[in-house]
């Protein structure tokens, strides 16, 4: 069975641990635990590790954002849910932020 480089497609000898053309570690090299030479980066392995770390960070950020939105939502509900103001002149209920009665026009505060 012929073996080809997963990075550049170069045909490889059966016993190759690295591609003769681009230098990427082959599947055989990975399976045998052959280390990548100093200063040469096996891009596929590094990108996979980076992807895992990004997934972790995004998951954590998503959970933190969810908690923050929930807290803000509760704060908004608490702030906007206030008791109505009852007009002392006519007894009509007005919204909590009213300055004048919507029924009789009397000043509320």
Protein backbone atom coordinates (compact mmCIF):
# COMPACT_ATOMS: atom_id res chain seq x y z
CA UNK A 1 0.00 0.00 0.00
CA UNK A 2 1.38 3.39 -0.99
CA UNK A 3 1.70 6.13 1.59
CA UNK A 4 1.28 9.85 0.88
CA UNK A 5 1.91 12.98 2.94
CA UNK A 6 -1.25 14.34 4.58
CA UNK A 7 0.05 17.90 4.09
CA UNK A 8 1.43 18.08 0.55
CA UNK A 9 0.48 14.72 -1.04
CA UNK A 10 4.07 13.63 -1.73
CA UNK A 11 4.55 9.87 -2.14
CA UNK A 12 6.45 8.54 0.88
CA UNK A 13 8.59 5.49 1.58
CA UNK A 14 6.83 3.00 3.88
CA UNK A 15 9.24 3.62 6.74
CA UNK A 16 9.08 7.46 6.57
CA UNK A 17 8.54 9.32 9.83
CA UNK A 18 8.65 12.69 8.05
CA UNK A 19 7.71 13.87 4.56
CA UNK A 20 10.68 14.16 2.22
CA UNK A 21 9.20 17.27 0.60
CA UNK A 22 7.57 19.41 3.33
CA UNK A 23 8.95 17.88 6.54
CA UNK A 24 5.60 17.20 8.26
CA UNK A 25 5.59 14.23 10.62
CA UNK A 26 3.77 11.28 9.07
CA UNK A 27 1.08 9.17 10.70
CA UNK A 28 3.71 6.48 11.30
CA UNK A 29 5.95 9.05 12.98
CA UNK A 30 3.09 10.17 15.23
CA UNK A 31 2.09 6.60 16.10
CA UNK A 32 5.67 5.75 17.05
CA UNK A 33 5.97 8.92 19.13
CA UNK A 34 8.84 10.31 17.07
CA UNK A 35 9.35 13.89 18.30
CA UNK A 36 9.32 16.79 15.89
CA UNK A 37 12.84 18.27 15.62
CA UNK A 38 13.57 21.42 17.64
CA UNK A 39 12.21 24.64 16.07
CA UNK A 40 10.13 22.75 13.49
CA UNK A 41 6.42 23.02 14.17
CA UNK A 42 3.98 20.33 13.20
CA UNK A 43 1.23 22.78 12.26
CA UNK A 44 -1.62 20.29 12.38
CA UNK A 45 -0.85 19.28 15.96
CA UNK A 46 -0.43 22.88 17.07
CA UNK A 47 -3.68 24.01 15.43
CA UNK A 48 -5.54 21.16 17.09
CA UNK A 49 -4.21 22.20 20.51
CA UNK A 50 -5.09 25.84 19.82
CA UNK A 51 -8.59 24.82 18.73
CA UNK A 52 -9.14 22.94 21.99
CA UNK A 53 -7.99 25.94 24.04
CA UNK A 54 -10.23 28.30 22.02
CA UNK A 55 -13.22 26.00 22.59
CA UNK A 56 -12.55 26.05 26.34
CA UNK A 57 -12.22 29.84 26.41
CA UNK A 58 -15.39 30.40 24.36
CA UNK A 59 -17.35 28.00 26.55
CA UNK A 60 -16.21 29.82 29.68
CA UNK A 61 -16.96 33.22 28.13
CA UNK A 62 -20.42 32.03 27.08
CA UNK A 63 -21.24 30.91 30.61
CA UNK A 64 -20.00 34.20 32.07
CA UNK A 65 -22.06 36.19 29.54
CA UNK A 66 -25.14 34.12 30.35
CA UNK A 67 -24.73 34.90 34.07
CA UNK A 68 -24.20 38.60 33.31
CA UNK A 69 -27.31 38.81 31.09
CA UNK A 70 -29.38 37.06 33.75
CA UNK A 71 -28.16 39.49 36.41
CA UNK A 72 -28.90 42.51 34.20
CA UNK A 73 -32.33 41.13 33.29
CA UNK A 74 -33.20 40.68 36.96
CA UNK A 75 -31.96 44.19 37.72
CA UNK A 76 -34.09 45.66 34.92
CA UNK A 77 -37.17 43.78 36.15
CA UNK A 78 -36.55 45.01 39.68
CA UNK A 79 -36.07 48.60 38.53
CA UNK A 80 -39.09 48.73 36.23
CA UNK A 81 -41.49 46.92 38.55
CA UNK A 82 -42.46 49.70 40.91
CA UNK A 83 -45.73 50.43 42.63
CA UNK A 84 -48.14 52.86 40.98
CA UNK A 85 -48.72 56.32 42.44
CA UNK A 86 -52.28 56.92 43.63
CA UNK A 87 -53.59 60.43 43.08
CA UNK A 88 -54.62 61.99 46.42
CA UNK A 89 -57.20 64.13 44.64
CA UNK A 90 -59.17 61.56 42.60
CA UNK A 91 -57.77 58.16 43.71
CA UNK A 92 -56.63 57.16 40.20
CA UNK A 93 -53.57 54.91 39.86
CA UNK A 94 -50.74 56.35 37.76
CA UNK A 95 -47.42 54.84 36.69
CA UNK A 96 -44.62 55.11 39.25
CA UNK A 97 -42.78 57.76 37.21
CA UNK A 98 -45.80 60.05 36.65
CA UNK A 99 -45.61 63.67 37.80
CA UNK A 100 -49.24 64.50 37.12
CA UNK A 101 -52.41 62.43 37.33
CA UNK A 102 -53.51 61.25 33.90
CA UNK A 103 -57.20 61.55 34.93
CA UNK A 104 -57.52 64.86 36.79
CA UNK A 105 -54.19 66.57 36.05
CA UNK A 106 -53.32 67.11 39.74
CA UNK A 107 -49.61 67.22 40.62
CA UNK A 108 -48.63 63.87 42.18
CA UNK A 109 -45.38 64.71 43.97
